[in-house]
Amino acid sequence: QVINDICKNLSFPGQLQRYAAADPVLFVDIETLGLSPKTSPIYLIGCGYFDNNGFNISQFFADSYQDEPYLLQDFLSFSSGFKTLMHFNGDKFDLPFIKAGAGYTAWSTTLMQGAARSEEHTSELQSR
C-alpha cells in the first residue's frame, strides 16, 4: 500500500516530466551478481511506467541461474510495447547485460533499437 500511495503522487522535476509524458516510456534498472555480462547473470529487472492509473512498478526476478533466460524473455516481451527506454547509465551497464543474456535474437534486436532512440534520455539521468 505504501508503494501505491507513493506512485499516485509521483511527479518528475524539470526535463524528466517531458519524457515521462512521451508515448510510452519504460524506466529500467537491472541487478546482477557481478560486473561482467560474460560471467554474471541478471537476477532482477525493475521497471516503472505510466498508464491511465498513474505510475506502475513491475519486477522480473530469477530464483536461480537457470531462470535468467526466462526472466529476459519475459522482460523483453513486456518491454516490446514501449517506444522509449529510460535508464541511468544503461548504455554502459544495463543494456549490454540484457543484450549478452538475451543473445542476438529478433526481440533483443528490437530492444536495442529502442534503446538507441533513448540515448538523449539517458544523458538526462546521468549525474552532472
N, C-alpha and C. Protein backbone atom coordinates (compact mmCIF):
# COMPACT_ATOMS: atom_id res chain seq x y z
N GLN A 1 0.82 -1.19 0.00
CA GLN A 1 0.00 0.00 0.00
C GLN A 1 0.87 1.26 0.00
N VAL A 2 1.96 1.23 0.74
CA VAL A 2 2.84 2.41 0.80
C VAL A 2 3.37 2.75 -0.58
N ILE A 3 3.80 1.73 -1.34
CA ILE A 3 4.32 1.98 -2.69
C ILE A 3 3.21 2.54 -3.58
N ASN A 4 2.02 2.01 -3.47
CA ASN A 4 0.90 2.53 -4.27
C ASN A 4 0.65 4.00 -3.96
N ASP A 5 0.70 4.37 -2.69
CA ASP A 5 0.49 5.77 -2.30
C ASP A 5 1.59 6.67 -2.86
N ILE A 6 2.82 6.20 -2.81
CA ILE A 6 3.95 6.97 -3.36
C ILE A 6 3.78 7.16 -4.86
N CYS A 7 3.44 6.07 -5.55
CA CYS A 7 3.31 6.13 -7.00
C CYS A 7 2.18 7.05 -7.45
N LYS A 8 1.10 7.12 -6.68
CA LYS A 8 -0.02 8.01 -7.04
C LYS A 8 0.40 9.48 -7.02
N ASN A 9 1.35 9.81 -6.15
CA ASN A 9 1.77 11.19 -6.00
C ASN A 9 3.10 11.49 -6.68
N LEU A 10 3.59 10.57 -7.49
CA LEU A 10 4.90 10.72 -8.11
C LEU A 10 4.86 11.76 -9.23
N SER A 11 5.82 12.63 -9.23
CA SER A 11 5.98 13.58 -10.33
C SER A 11 7.47 13.74 -10.60
N PHE A 12 7.77 14.22 -11.79
CA PHE A 12 9.17 14.37 -12.21
C PHE A 12 9.51 15.83 -12.36
N PRO A 13 10.65 16.24 -11.84
CA PRO A 13 11.06 17.63 -11.97
C PRO A 13 11.59 17.95 -13.37
N GLY A 14 11.44 19.19 -13.75
CA GLY A 14 12.09 19.73 -14.94
C GLY A 14 11.89 18.91 -16.20
N GLN A 15 13.01 18.62 -16.87
CA GLN A 15 13.01 17.97 -18.17
C GLN A 15 12.42 16.56 -18.14
N LEU A 16 12.51 15.87 -17.01
CA LEU A 16 12.02 14.50 -16.96
C LEU A 16 10.52 14.41 -17.18
N GLN A 17 9.79 15.44 -16.79
CA GLN A 17 8.34 15.42 -16.99
C GLN A 17 8.01 15.29 -18.47
N ARG A 18 8.80 15.95 -19.31
CA ARG A 18 8.59 15.87 -20.76
C ARG A 18 8.75 14.44 -21.25
N TYR A 19 9.77 13.73 -20.74
CA TYR A 19 9.99 12.35 -21.17
C TYR A 19 8.94 11.41 -20.60
N ALA A 20 8.55 11.65 -19.36
CA ALA A 20 7.56 10.78 -18.71
C ALA A 20 6.22 10.84 -19.43
N ALA A 21 5.92 11.98 -20.05
CA ALA A 21 4.65 12.14 -20.76
C ALA A 21 4.71 11.61 -22.19
N ALA A 22 5.88 11.20 -22.66
CA ALA A 22 6.03 10.71 -24.03
C ALA A 22 5.30 9.38 -24.21
N ASP A 23 5.14 8.99 -25.44
CA ASP A 23 4.45 7.74 -25.77
C ASP A 23 5.39 6.58 -25.75
N PRO A 24 5.05 5.52 -25.19
CA PRO A 24 5.14 5.28 -23.75
C PRO A 24 6.60 5.05 -23.35
N VAL A 25 6.94 5.44 -22.15
CA VAL A 25 8.30 5.36 -21.61
C VAL A 25 8.37 4.25 -20.57
N LEU A 26 9.43 3.45 -20.65
CA LEU A 26 9.68 2.42 -19.65
C LEU A 26 10.99 2.75 -18.94
N PHE A 27 10.92 2.98 -17.65
CA PHE A 27 12.11 3.20 -16.83
C PHE A 27 12.64 1.83 -16.42
N VAL A 28 13.95 1.59 -16.63
CA VAL A 28 14.51 0.26 -16.44
C VAL A 28 15.77 0.33 -15.59
N ASP A 29 15.92 -0.65 -14.70
CA ASP A 29 17.15 -0.84 -13.94
C ASP A 29 17.33 -2.33 -13.70
N ILE A 30 18.58 -2.79 -13.74
CA ILE A 30 18.84 -4.22 -13.51
C ILE A 30 19.72 -4.39 -12.28
N GLU A 31 19.67 -5.59 -11.72
CA GLU A 31 20.56 -6.00 -10.64
C GLU A 31 21.24 -7.29 -11.09
N THR A 32 22.55 -7.37 -10.87
CA THR A 32 23.33 -8.52 -11.32
C THR A 32 24.17 -9.08 -10.17
N LEU A 33 24.79 -10.21 -10.44
CA LEU A 33 25.67 -10.82 -9.44
C LEU A 33 27.14 -10.52 -9.72
N GLY A 34 27.42 -9.47 -10.50
CA GLY A 34 28.79 -9.10 -10.81
C GLY A 34 28.82 -7.96 -11.80
N LEU A 35 30.01 -7.70 -12.30
CA LEU A 35 30.20 -6.54 -13.18
C LEU A 35 30.43 -6.89 -14.64
N SER A 36 30.54 -8.16 -14.97
CA SER A 36 30.80 -8.57 -16.35
C SER A 36 29.60 -9.31 -16.92
N PRO A 37 29.06 -8.85 -18.05
CA PRO A 37 27.94 -9.56 -18.66
C PRO A 37 28.31 -10.96 -19.15
N LYS A 38 29.61 -11.22 -19.32
CA LYS A 38 30.05 -12.54 -19.78
C LYS A 38 30.00 -13.59 -18.68
N THR A 39 30.13 -13.15 -17.42
CA THR A 39 30.24 -14.12 -16.32
C THR A 39 29.20 -13.93 -15.22
N SER A 40 28.42 -12.87 -15.27
CA SER A 40 27.50 -12.56 -14.17
C SER A 40 26.06 -12.49 -14.67
N PRO A 41 25.17 -13.25 -14.06
CA PRO A 41 23.78 -13.23 -14.51
C PRO A 41 23.00 -12.04 -13.95
N ILE A 42 21.93 -11.72 -14.64
CA ILE A 42 20.94 -10.76 -14.14
C ILE A 42 19.97 -11.55 -13.27
N TYR A 43 19.69 -11.04 -12.08
CA TYR A 43 18.70 -11.73 -11.25
C TYR A 43 17.44 -10.88 -11.04
N LEU A 44 17.49 -9.59 -11.40
CA LEU A 44 16.31 -8.75 -11.23
C LEU A 44 16.31 -7.64 -12.26
N ILE A 45 15.17 -7.42 -12.88
CA ILE A 45 14.95 -6.26 -13.74
C ILE A 45 13.74 -5.53 -13.18
N GLY A 46 13.96 -4.28 -12.80
CA GLY A 46 12.88 -3.45 -12.29
C GLY A 46 12.43 -2.46 -13.34
N CYS A 47 11.13 -2.26 -13.45
CA CYS A 47 10.57 -1.36 -14.46
C CYS A 47 9.54 -0.45 -13.81
N GLY A 48 9.47 0.76 -14.32
CA GLY A 48 8.43 1.70 -13.93
C GLY A 48 7.85 2.32 -15.19
N TYR A 49 6.56 2.57 -15.18
CA TYR A 49 5.91 3.17 -16.34
C TYR A 49 4.60 3.83 -15.91
N PHE A 50 4.19 4.79 -16.72
CA PHE A 50 2.92 5.47 -16.50
C PHE A 50 1.84 4.84 -17.39
N ASP A 51 0.65 4.76 -16.85
CA ASP A 51 -0.53 4.46 -17.65
C ASP A 51 -1.67 5.33 -17.13
N ASN A 52 -2.88 5.05 -17.53
CA ASN A 52 -4.02 5.88 -17.12
C ASN A 52 -4.26 5.88 -15.61
N ASN A 53 -3.73 4.88 -14.92
CA ASN A 53 -3.91 4.76 -13.47
C ASN A 53 -2.78 5.38 -12.68
N GLY A 54 -1.79 5.98 -13.35
CA GLY A 54 -0.64 6.56 -12.66
C GLY A 54 0.63 5.79 -12.94
N PHE A 55 1.54 5.81 -11.96
CA PHE A 55 2.84 5.16 -12.11
C PHE A 55 2.76 3.74 -11.60
N ASN A 56 3.31 2.79 -12.38
CA ASN A 56 3.28 1.37 -12.04
C ASN A 56 4.70 0.83 -11.94
N ILE A 57 4.87 -0.19 -11.13
CA ILE A 57 6.16 -0.86 -10.98
C ILE A 57 5.97 -2.34 -11.29
N SER A 58 6.87 -2.88 -12.12
CA SER A 58 6.90 -4.31 -12.41
C SER A 58 8.32 -4.80 -12.19
N GLN A 59 8.44 -6.01 -11.67
CA GLN A 59 9.76 -6.59 -11.44
C GLN A 59 9.79 -8.00 -12.03
N PHE A 60 10.94 -8.32 -12.61
CA PHE A 60 11.19 -9.65 -13.16
C PHE A 60 12.34 -10.23 -12.37
N PHE A 61 12.10 -11.38 -11.73
CA PHE A 61 13.07 -11.94 -10.78
C PHE A 61 13.43 -13.37 -11.18
N ALA A 62 14.72 -13.68 -11.14
CA ALA A 62 15.21 -15.03 -11.39
C ALA A 62 15.55 -15.68 -10.06
N ASP A 63 14.90 -16.78 -9.74
CA ASP A 63 15.15 -17.50 -8.49
C ASP A 63 16.46 -18.28 -8.52
N SER A 64 16.94 -18.58 -9.73
CA SER A 64 18.17 -19.36 -9.87
C SER A 64 18.89 -18.94 -11.15
N TYR A 65 20.13 -19.40 -11.30
CA TYR A 65 20.89 -19.11 -12.52
C TYR A 65 20.13 -19.59 -13.76
N GLN A 66 19.47 -20.73 -13.63
CA GLN A 66 18.77 -21.31 -14.77
C GLN A 66 17.56 -20.49 -15.18
N ASP A 67 17.08 -19.62 -14.31
CA ASP A 67 15.89 -18.82 -14.62
C ASP A 67 16.19 -17.53 -15.38
N GLU A 68 17.46 -17.17 -15.53
CA GLU A 68 17.79 -15.92 -16.21
C GLU A 68 17.21 -15.85 -17.62
N PRO A 69 17.28 -16.90 -18.45
CA PRO A 69 16.69 -16.80 -19.79
C PRO A 69 15.19 -16.50 -19.76
N TYR A 70 14.48 -17.06 -18.78
CA TYR A 70 13.04 -16.82 -18.67
C TYR A 70 12.77 -15.38 -18.22
N LEU A 71 13.58 -14.89 -17.29
CA LEU A 71 13.48 -13.50 -16.85
C LEU A 71 13.65 -12.57 -18.04
N LEU A 72 14.67 -12.82 -18.84
CA LEU A 72 14.94 -11.97 -20.01
C LEU A 72 13.83 -12.06 -21.05
N GLN A 73 13.37 -13.26 -21.30
CA GLN A 73 12.29 -13.43 -22.28
C GLN A 73 11.03 -12.69 -21.82
N ASP A 74 10.68 -12.83 -20.55
CA ASP A 74 9.50 -12.14 -20.03
C ASP A 74 9.67 -10.62 -20.09
N PHE A 75 10.86 -10.13 -19.70
CA PHE A 75 11.11 -8.70 -19.75
C PHE A 75 11.06 -8.17 -21.18
N LEU A 76 11.70 -8.86 -22.10
CA LEU A 76 11.74 -8.38 -23.48
C LEU A 76 10.35 -8.40 -24.11
N SER A 77 9.56 -9.38 -23.77
CA SER A 77 8.18 -9.42 -24.26
C SER A 77 7.39 -8.24 -23.68
N PHE A 78 7.53 -8.02 -22.38
CA PHE A 78 6.85 -6.91 -21.71
C PHE A 78 7.29 -5.56 -22.28
N SER A 79 8.59 -5.38 -22.48
CA SER A 79 9.13 -4.09 -22.90
C SER A 79 8.84 -3.76 -24.36
N SER A 80 8.45 -4.75 -25.14
CA SER A 80 8.22 -4.50 -26.56
C SER A 80 7.08 -3.52 -26.81
N GLY A 81 6.22 -3.31 -25.84
CA GLY A 81 5.11 -2.36 -26.00
C GLY A 81 5.48 -0.92 -25.72
N PHE A 82 6.74 -0.66 -25.38
CA PHE A 82 7.18 0.69 -25.05
C PHE A 82 8.07 1.23 -26.16
N LYS A 83 7.92 2.52 -26.44
CA LYS A 83 8.70 3.13 -27.51
C LYS A 83 10.05 3.64 -27.03
N THR A 84 10.17 3.96 -25.74
CA THR A 84 11.40 4.55 -25.21
C THR A 84 11.80 3.86 -23.92
N LEU A 85 13.08 3.53 -23.82
CA LEU A 85 13.64 3.03 -22.57
C LEU A 85 14.40 4.17 -21.91
N MET A 86 14.17 4.37 -20.63
CA MET A 86 14.91 5.39 -19.90
C MET A 86 15.67 4.68 -18.78
N HIS A 87 16.95 5.03 -18.67
CA HIS A 87 17.81 4.33 -17.73
C HIS A 87 18.92 5.25 -17.26
N PHE A 88 19.53 4.89 -16.16
CA PHE A 88 20.69 5.63 -15.65
C PHE A 88 21.93 4.86 -16.03
N ASN A 89 22.72 5.40 -16.92
CA ASN A 89 23.95 4.77 -17.39
C ASN A 89 23.70 3.39 -17.99
N GLY A 90 22.50 3.17 -18.48
CA GLY A 90 22.14 1.87 -19.02
C GLY A 90 22.88 1.48 -20.28
N ASP A 91 23.29 2.48 -21.07
CA ASP A 91 24.02 2.15 -22.29
C ASP A 91 25.39 1.54 -21.99
N LYS A 92 25.91 1.79 -20.81
CA LYS A 92 27.22 1.24 -20.42
C LYS A 92 27.10 -0.02 -19.56
N PHE A 93 25.95 -0.22 -18.90
CA PHE A 93 25.83 -1.36 -17.99
C PHE A 93 24.59 -2.21 -18.27
N ASP A 94 23.41 -1.68 -18.05
CA ASP A 94 22.19 -2.47 -18.14
C ASP A 94 21.98 -3.09 -19.52
N LEU A 95 22.02 -2.27 -20.56
CA LEU A 95 21.73 -2.78 -21.90
C LEU A 95 22.74 -3.80 -22.39
N PRO A 96 24.06 -3.63 -22.15
CA PRO A 96 24.99 -4.70 -22.53
C PRO A 96 24.71 -6.02 -21.79
N PHE A 97 24.30 -5.96 -20.54
CA PHE A 97 23.95 -7.18 -19.80
C PHE A 97 22.74 -7.84 -20.43
N ILE A 98 21.71 -7.05 -20.73
CA ILE A 98 20.49 -7.62 -21.32
C ILE A 98 20.81 -8.21 -22.68
N LYS A 99 21.58 -7.50 -23.46
CA LYS A 99 21.94 -7.98 -24.80
C LYS A 99 22.75 -9.27 -24.72
N ALA A 100 23.71 -9.34 -23.82
CA ALA A 100 24.53 -10.55 -23.67
C ALA A 100 23.69 -11.73 -23.20
N GLY A 101 22.79 -11.47 -22.27
CA GLY A 101 21.95 -12.56 -21.76
C GLY A 101 20.93 -13.04 -22.75
N ALA A 102 20.38 -12.13 -23.54
CA ALA A 102 19.33 -12.49 -24.49
C ALA A 102 19.88 -13.05 -25.78
N GLY A 103 21.15 -12.81 -26.06
CA GLY A 103 21.69 -13.22 -27.34
C GLY A 103 21.20 -12.30 -28.44
N TYR A 104 21.55 -12.59 -29.64
CA TYR A 104 21.18 -11.74 -30.76
C TYR A 104 19.94 -12.31 -31.44
N THR A 105 18.82 -12.22 -30.76
CA THR A 105 17.56 -12.70 -31.30
C THR A 105 16.77 -11.51 -31.82
N ALA A 106 15.66 -11.81 -32.45
CA ALA A 106 14.84 -10.73 -33.00
C ALA A 106 14.37 -9.79 -31.91
N TRP A 107 13.96 -10.34 -30.75
CA TRP A 107 13.44 -9.44 -29.72
C TRP A 107 14.53 -8.66 -29.03
N SER A 108 15.75 -9.18 -28.93
CA SER A 108 16.81 -8.36 -28.33
C SER A 108 17.23 -7.26 -29.30
N THR A 109 17.16 -7.54 -30.59
CA THR A 109 17.47 -6.52 -31.59
C THR A 109 16.45 -5.39 -31.50
N THR A 110 15.18 -5.72 -31.35
CA THR A 110 14.14 -4.71 -31.21
C THR A 110 14.38 -3.87 -29.97
N LEU A 111 14.75 -4.50 -28.88
CA LEU A 111 15.04 -3.76 -27.65
C LEU A 111 16.20 -2.81 -27.86
N MET A 112 17.26 -3.27 -28.50
CA MET A 112 18.43 -2.42 -28.71
C MET A 112 18.10 -1.23 -29.62
N GLN A 113 17.22 -1.44 -30.60
CA GLN A 113 16.81 -0.32 -31.45
C GLN A 113 16.07 0.71 -30.62
N GLY A 114 15.21 0.27 -29.72
CA GLY A 114 14.51 1.18 -28.82
C GLY A 114 15.48 1.90 -27.91
N ALA A 115 16.49 1.18 -27.44
CA ALA A 115 17.48 1.78 -26.55
C ALA A 115 18.29 2.84 -27.29
N ALA A 116 18.56 2.62 -28.55
CA ALA A 116 19.32 3.61 -29.33
C ALA A 116 18.55 4.92 -29.40
N ARG A 117 17.22 4.82 -29.51
CA ARG A 117 16.40 6.03 -29.55
C ARG A 117 16.40 6.75 -28.21
N SER A 118 16.77 6.04 -27.14
CA SER A 118 16.68 6.64 -25.80
C SER A 118 17.99 7.27 -25.35
N GLU A 119 19.00 7.35 -26.21
CA GLU A 119 20.29 7.92 -25.80
C GLU A 119 20.15 9.34 -25.26
N GLU A 120 19.33 10.15 -25.90
CA GLU A 120 19.11 11.52 -25.43
C GLU A 120 18.56 11.49 -24.01
N HIS A 121 17.64 10.58 -23.76
CA HIS A 121 17.02 10.47 -22.44
C HIS A 121 18.03 10.02 -21.40
N THR A 122 18.92 9.13 -21.79
CA THR A 122 19.92 8.63 -20.86
C THR A 122 20.74 9.77 -20.30
N SER A 123 21.16 10.70 -21.15
CA SER A 123 22.01 11.79 -20.69
C SER A 123 21.29 12.65 -19.65
N GLU A 124 19.96 12.71 -19.72
CA GLU A 124 19.20 13.48 -18.74
C GLU A 124 19.30 12.88 -17.34
N LEU A 125 19.53 11.56 -17.27
CA LEU A 125 19.53 10.88 -15.99
C LEU A 125 20.92 10.70 -15.40
N GLN A 126 21.95 11.02 -16.14
CA GLN A 126 23.29 10.82 -15.61
C GLN A 126 23.67 11.98 -14.69
N SER A 127 24.46 11.66 -13.68
CA SER A 127 24.85 12.69 -12.72
C SER A 127 25.73 13.74 -13.41
N ARG A 128 25.65 14.93 -12.93
CA ARG A 128 26.40 16.03 -13.55
C ARG A 128 27.41 16.56 -12.57
